[in-house]
Amino acid sequence: MGSTPVNEGQRIQSFSDFWVHYQTEHQDARSRRLHFVGTGLFLTSVAGSLAVHPVRMGACLTAALIVAFLARRVESSRRALPEALAIVVLLIVGSPWVLAGVAGAYGCAWFGHFRIEHNRPATFRYPLWSLFGDFRMIGRMATGRMWRNHTTH
């Protein structure tokens, strides 16, 4: 793995390097548990919205995934805030209930950062990669590979 600059003058150049940085920002298991709960709220809102509005939500979810796929490398050169906001807007257009899931996810995650980890969420500098990192972390937690107070690559 390469270096992971985190100072304001440089950008991390790959998601692999970002993942190393992301793990250092989530060392406390309590914070990771909050992320797990928050992301669960978000995924529940998406799943519920798909059940109630399958066509509209399905189309919006598909469009959001396309935006995420096309923008996946943007963070190495600039902050992908417009793309991240486009994803959120597309999902909310699919169903306003997703807004509650987004609020729950960020509320839980940011509480973990500000009150437990005492750091600034990577979302502020790397919004899209932070989303991808959260899903990777949640996936590792769901498979039992990231619950303890140590990081795993």
C-alpha atoms as a PDB file:
ATOM      1  CA  MET A   1       0.000   0.000   0.000  1.00  0.00           C
ATOM      2  CA  GLY A   2       1.181   3.505  -0.672  1.00  0.00           C
ATOM      3  CA  SER A   3       1.334   6.507   1.548  1.00  0.00           C
ATOM      4  CA  THR A   4      -1.854   8.073   2.796  1.00  0.00           C
ATOM      5  CA  PRO A   5      -1.438  11.834   3.013  1.00  0.00           C
ATOM      6  CA  VAL A   6      -4.116  13.384   5.159  1.00  0.00           C
ATOM      7  CA  ASN A   7      -2.903  16.971   5.284  1.00  0.00           C
ATOM      8  CA  GLU A   8      -5.017  19.610   3.589  1.00  0.00           C
ATOM      9  CA  GLY A   9      -2.545  20.204   0.734  1.00  0.00           C
ATOM     10  CA  GLN A  10      -2.520  16.709  -0.737  1.00  0.00           C
ATOM     11  CA  ARG A  11      -5.187  14.269  -1.801  1.00  0.00           C
ATOM     12  CA  ILE A  12      -5.106  10.551  -1.329  1.00  0.00           C
ATOM     13  CA  GLN A  13      -4.609   9.044  -4.775  1.00  0.00           C
ATOM     14  CA  SER A  14      -6.437   5.718  -4.606  1.00  0.00           C
ATOM     15  CA  PHE A  15      -9.277   4.067  -2.771  1.00  0.00           C
ATOM     16  CA  SER A  16      -6.803   1.455  -1.491  1.00  0.00           C
ATOM     17  CA  ASP A  17      -4.795   4.179   0.217  1.00  0.00           C
ATOM     18  CA  PHE A  18      -7.991   5.849   1.401  1.00  0.00           C
ATOM     19  CA  TRP A  19      -9.126   2.572   2.979  1.00  0.00           C
ATOM     20  CA  VAL A  20      -5.991   2.524   5.141  1.00  0.00           C
ATOM     21  CA  HIS A  21      -6.739   6.099   6.249  1.00  0.00           C
ATOM     22  CA  TYR A  22     -10.434   5.287   6.761  1.00  0.00           C
ATOM     23  CA  GLN A  23      -9.592   2.480   9.156  1.00  0.00           C
ATOM     24  CA  THR A  24      -7.399   4.788  11.263  1.00  0.00           C
ATOM     25  CA  GLU A  25     -10.409   7.097  11.611  1.00  0.00           C
ATOM     26  CA  HIS A  26     -12.575   4.200  12.887  1.00  0.00           C
ATOM     27  CA  GLN A  27     -10.402   2.510  15.492  1.00  0.00           C
ATOM     28  CA  ASP A  28     -12.936   2.455  18.322  1.00  0.00           C
ATOM     29  CA  ALA A  29     -15.377  -0.455  18.074  1.00  0.00           C
ATOM     30  CA  ARG A  30     -18.161   1.702  19.560  1.00  0.00           C
ATOM     31  CA  SER A  31     -17.842   4.121  16.672  1.00  0.00           C
ATOM     32  CA  ARG A  32     -17.913   1.269  14.160  1.00  0.00           C
ATOM     33  CA  ARG A  33     -21.043  -0.095  15.851  1.00  0.00           C
ATOM     34  CA  LEU A  34     -22.716   3.301  15.455  1.00  0.00           C
ATOM     35  CA  HIS A  35     -21.794   3.255  11.760  1.00  0.00           C
ATOM     36  CA  PHE A  36     -23.263  -0.241  11.512  1.00  0.00           C
ATOM     37  CA  VAL A  37     -26.545   0.898  13.081  1.00  0.00           C
ATOM     38  CA  GLY A  38     -26.694   4.069  10.967  1.00  0.00           C
ATOM     39  CA  THR A  39     -25.971   2.269   7.727  1.00  0.00           C
ATOM     40  CA  GLY A  40     -28.559  -0.325   8.724  1.00  0.00           C
ATOM     41  CA  LEU A  41     -31.123   2.463   9.075  1.00  0.00           C
ATOM     42  CA  PHE A  42     -30.194   3.764   5.639  1.00  0.00           C
ATOM     43  CA  LEU A  43     -30.345   0.330   3.995  1.00  0.00           C
ATOM     44  CA  THR A  44     -33.673  -0.355   5.696  1.00  0.00           C
ATOM     45  CA  SER A  45     -35.071   2.894   4.294  1.00  0.00           C
ATOM     46  CA  VAL A  46     -33.866   1.941   0.799  1.00  0.00           C
ATOM     47  CA  ALA A  47     -35.259  -1.611   1.060  1.00  0.00           C
ATOM     48  CA  GLY A  48     -38.597  -0.344   2.396  1.00  0.00           C
ATOM     49  CA  SER A  49     -38.771   2.239  -0.364  1.00  0.00           C
ATOM     50  CA  LEU A  50     -38.079  -0.458  -2.951  1.00  0.00           C
ATOM     51  CA  ALA A  51     -40.930  -2.524  -1.516  1.00  0.00           C
ATOM     52  CA  VAL A  52     -43.406   0.389  -1.603  1.00  0.00           C
ATOM     53  CA  HIS A  53     -42.274   2.045  -4.862  1.00  0.00           C
ATOM     54  CA  PRO A  54     -40.411  -0.680  -6.761  1.00  0.00           C
ATOM     55  CA  VAL A  55     -40.313   0.968 -10.186  1.00  0.00           C
ATOM     56  CA  ARG A  56     -39.553   4.549  -9.166  1.00  0.00           C
ATOM     57  CA  MET A  57     -37.128   3.576  -6.402  1.00  0.00           C
ATOM     58  CA  GLY A  58     -35.528   0.907  -8.575  1.00  0.00           C
ATOM     59  CA  ALA A  59     -34.909   3.416 -11.355  1.00  0.00           C
ATOM     60  CA  CYS A  60     -33.498   5.992  -8.938  1.00  0.00           C
ATOM     61  CA  LEU A  61     -31.313   3.404  -7.196  1.00  0.00           C
ATOM     62  CA  THR A  62     -29.988   2.229 -10.554  1.00  0.00           C
ATOM     63  CA  ALA A  63     -29.205   5.820 -11.569  1.00  0.00           C
ATOM     64  CA  ALA A  64     -27.465   6.430  -8.219  1.00  0.00           C
ATOM     65  CA  LEU A  65     -25.328   3.308  -8.675  1.00  0.00           C
ATOM     66  CA  ILE A  66     -24.359   4.456 -12.181  1.00  0.00           C
ATOM     67  CA  VAL A  67     -23.303   7.867 -10.833  1.00  0.00           C
ATOM     68  CA  ALA A  68     -21.268   6.157  -8.090  1.00  0.00           C
ATOM     69  CA  PHE A  69     -19.595   3.836 -10.591  1.00  0.00           C
ATOM     70  CA  LEU A  70     -18.752   6.622 -13.048  1.00  0.00           C
ATOM     71  CA  ALA A  71     -17.446   8.934 -10.308  1.00  0.00           C
ATOM     72  CA  ARG A  72     -15.462   6.340  -8.347  1.00  0.00           C
ATOM     73  CA  ARG A  73     -12.056   7.819  -9.265  1.00  0.00           C
ATOM     74  CA  VAL A  74     -12.956  11.505  -8.924  1.00  0.00           C
ATOM     75  CA  GLU A  75     -11.844  11.781  -5.280  1.00  0.00           C
ATOM     76  CA  SER A  76      -8.157  11.406  -6.203  1.00  0.00           C
ATOM     77  CA  SER A  77      -8.230  14.789  -7.960  1.00  0.00           C
ATOM     78  CA  ARG A  78     -11.012  16.712  -6.205  1.00  0.00           C
ATOM     79  CA  ARG A  79     -13.753  16.387  -3.630  1.00  0.00           C
ATOM     80  CA  ALA A  80     -16.683  14.508  -5.204  1.00  0.00           C
ATOM     81  CA  LEU A  81     -19.362  16.485  -3.380  1.00  0.00           C
ATOM     82  CA  PRO A  82     -21.579  17.108  -6.456  1.00  0.00           C
ATOM     83  CA  GLU A  83     -21.571  13.401  -7.265  1.00  0.00           C
ATOM     84  CA  ALA A  84     -22.295  12.380  -3.669  1.00  0.00           C
ATOM     85  CA  LEU A  85     -25.145  14.895  -3.471  1.00  0.00           C
ATOM     86  CA  ALA A  86     -26.510  13.630  -6.800  1.00  0.00           C
ATOM     87  CA  ILE A  87     -26.631  10.110  -5.367  1.00  0.00           C
ATOM     88  CA  VAL A  88     -28.510  11.299  -2.277  1.00  0.00           C
ATOM     89  CA  VAL A  89     -30.939  13.402  -4.336  1.00  0.00           C
ATOM     90  CA  LEU A  90     -31.629  10.505  -6.703  1.00  0.00           C
ATOM     91  CA  LEU A  91     -32.437   8.228  -3.772  1.00  0.00           C
ATOM     92  CA  ILE A  92     -34.672  10.825  -2.129  1.00  0.00           C
ATOM     93  CA  VAL A  93     -36.512  11.341  -5.427  1.00  0.00           C
ATOM     94  CA  GLY A  94     -37.080   7.580  -5.391  1.00  0.00           C
ATOM     95  CA  SER A  95     -38.677   7.945  -1.973  1.00  0.00           C
ATOM     96  CA  PRO A  96     -38.633  10.761   0.579  1.00  0.00           C
ATOM     97  CA  TRP A  97     -38.309   8.087   3.305  1.00  0.00           C
ATOM     98  CA  VAL A  98     -34.698   7.618   2.239  1.00  0.00           C
ATOM     99  CA  LEU A  99     -34.021  11.065   3.710  1.00  0.00           C
ATOM    100  CA  ALA A 100     -34.771   9.615   7.162  1.00  0.00           C
ATOM    101  CA  GLY A 101     -32.294   6.813   6.463  1.00  0.00           C
ATOM    102  CA  VAL A 102     -29.626   9.276   5.329  1.00  0.00           C
ATOM    103  CA  ALA A 103     -30.201  11.417   8.443  1.00  0.00           C
ATOM    104  CA  GLY A 104     -30.002   8.342  10.670  1.00  0.00           C
ATOM    105  CA  ALA A 105     -26.810   7.144   9.015  1.00  0.00           C
ATOM    106  CA  TYR A 106     -25.014  10.477   9.246  1.00  0.00           C
ATOM    107  CA  GLY A 107     -26.343  11.146  12.749  1.00  0.00           C
ATOM    108  CA  CYS A 108     -24.975   7.861  14.065  1.00  0.00           C
ATOM    109  CA  ALA A 109     -21.680   8.134  12.166  1.00  0.00           C
ATOM    110  CA  TRP A 110     -20.984  11.736  13.093  1.00  0.00           C
ATOM    111  CA  PHE A 111     -21.816  11.101  16.750  1.00  0.00           C
ATOM    112  CA  GLY A 112     -19.199   8.349  16.622  1.00  0.00           C
ATOM    113  CA  HIS A 113     -16.622  10.659  15.088  1.00  0.00           C
ATOM    114  CA  PHE A 114     -17.194  13.759  17.197  1.00  0.00           C
ATOM    115  CA  ARG A 115     -17.963  12.138  20.567  1.00  0.00           C
ATOM    116  CA  ILE A 116     -16.054   8.849  20.488  1.00  0.00           C
ATOM    117  CA  GLU A 117     -13.214   9.028  17.952  1.00  0.00           C
ATOM    118  CA  HIS A 118     -12.733  12.795  18.409  1.00  0.00           C
ATOM    119  CA  ASN A 119     -11.926  13.295  14.750  1.00  0.00           C
ATOM    120  CA  ARG A 120     -13.426  14.935  11.713  1.00  0.00           C
ATOM    121  CA  PRO A 121     -15.424  12.604   9.442  1.00  0.00           C
ATOM    122  CA  ALA A 122     -13.647  11.797   6.180  1.00  0.00           C
ATOM    123  CA  THR A 123     -16.965  12.611   4.473  1.00  0.00           C
ATOM    124  CA  PHE A 124     -16.024  16.293   4.612  1.00  0.00           C
ATOM    125  CA  ARG A 125     -12.960  15.738   2.426  1.00  0.00           C
ATOM    126  CA  TYR A 126     -13.756  12.493   0.576  1.00  0.00           C
ATOM    127  CA  PRO A 127     -17.565  12.173   0.439  1.00  0.00           C
ATOM    128  CA  LEU A 128     -17.807   9.435  -2.176  1.00  0.00           C
ATOM    129  CA  TRP A 129     -14.890   7.315  -0.958  1.00  0.00           C
ATOM    130  CA  SER A 130     -16.260   7.666   2.576  1.00  0.00           C
ATOM    131  CA  LEU A 131     -19.523   6.170   1.390  1.00  0.00           C
ATOM    132  CA  PHE A 132     -17.652   3.316  -0.286  1.00  0.00           C
ATOM    133  CA  GLY A 133     -15.472   2.888   2.825  1.00  0.00           C
ATOM    134  CA  ASP A 134     -18.543   2.734   5.031  1.00  0.00           C
ATOM    135  CA  PHE A 135     -20.075  -0.010   2.915  1.00  0.00           C
ATOM    136  CA  ARG A 136     -16.789  -1.929   2.932  1.00  0.00           C
ATOM    137  CA  MET A 137     -16.515  -1.576   6.707  1.00  0.00           C
ATOM    138  CA  ILE A 138     -20.130  -2.653   7.216  1.00  0.00           C
ATOM    139  CA  GLY A 139     -19.558  -5.634   4.924  1.00  0.00           C
ATOM    140  CA  ARG A 140     -16.512  -6.658   6.943  1.00  0.00           C
ATOM    141  CA  MET A 141     -18.444  -6.233  10.162  1.00  0.00           C
ATOM    142  CA  ALA A 142     -21.333  -8.306   8.802  1.00  0.00           C
ATOM    143  CA  THR A 143     -18.899 -11.106   8.015  1.00  0.00           C
ATOM    144  CA  GLY A 144     -17.217 -10.870  11.436  1.00  0.00           C
ATOM    145  CA  ARG A 145     -13.920  -9.427  10.225  1.00  0.00           C
ATOM    146  CA  MET A 146     -14.010  -5.980  11.820  1.00  0.00           C
ATOM    147  CA  TRP A 147     -15.605  -5.916  15.273  1.00  0.00           C
ATOM    148  CA  ARG A 148     -12.645  -5.770  17.624  1.00  0.00           C
ATOM    149  CA  ASN A 149     -10.578  -2.703  18.491  1.00  0.00           C
ATOM    150  CA  HIS A 150      -8.016  -3.304  15.784  1.00  0.00           C
ATOM    151  CA  THR A 151      -7.931  -2.581  12.104  1.00  0.00           C
ATOM    152  CA  THR A 152      -7.894  -5.156   9.348  1.00  0.00           C
ATOM    153  CA  HIS A 153      -6.688  -4.570   5.834  1.00  0.00           C
END
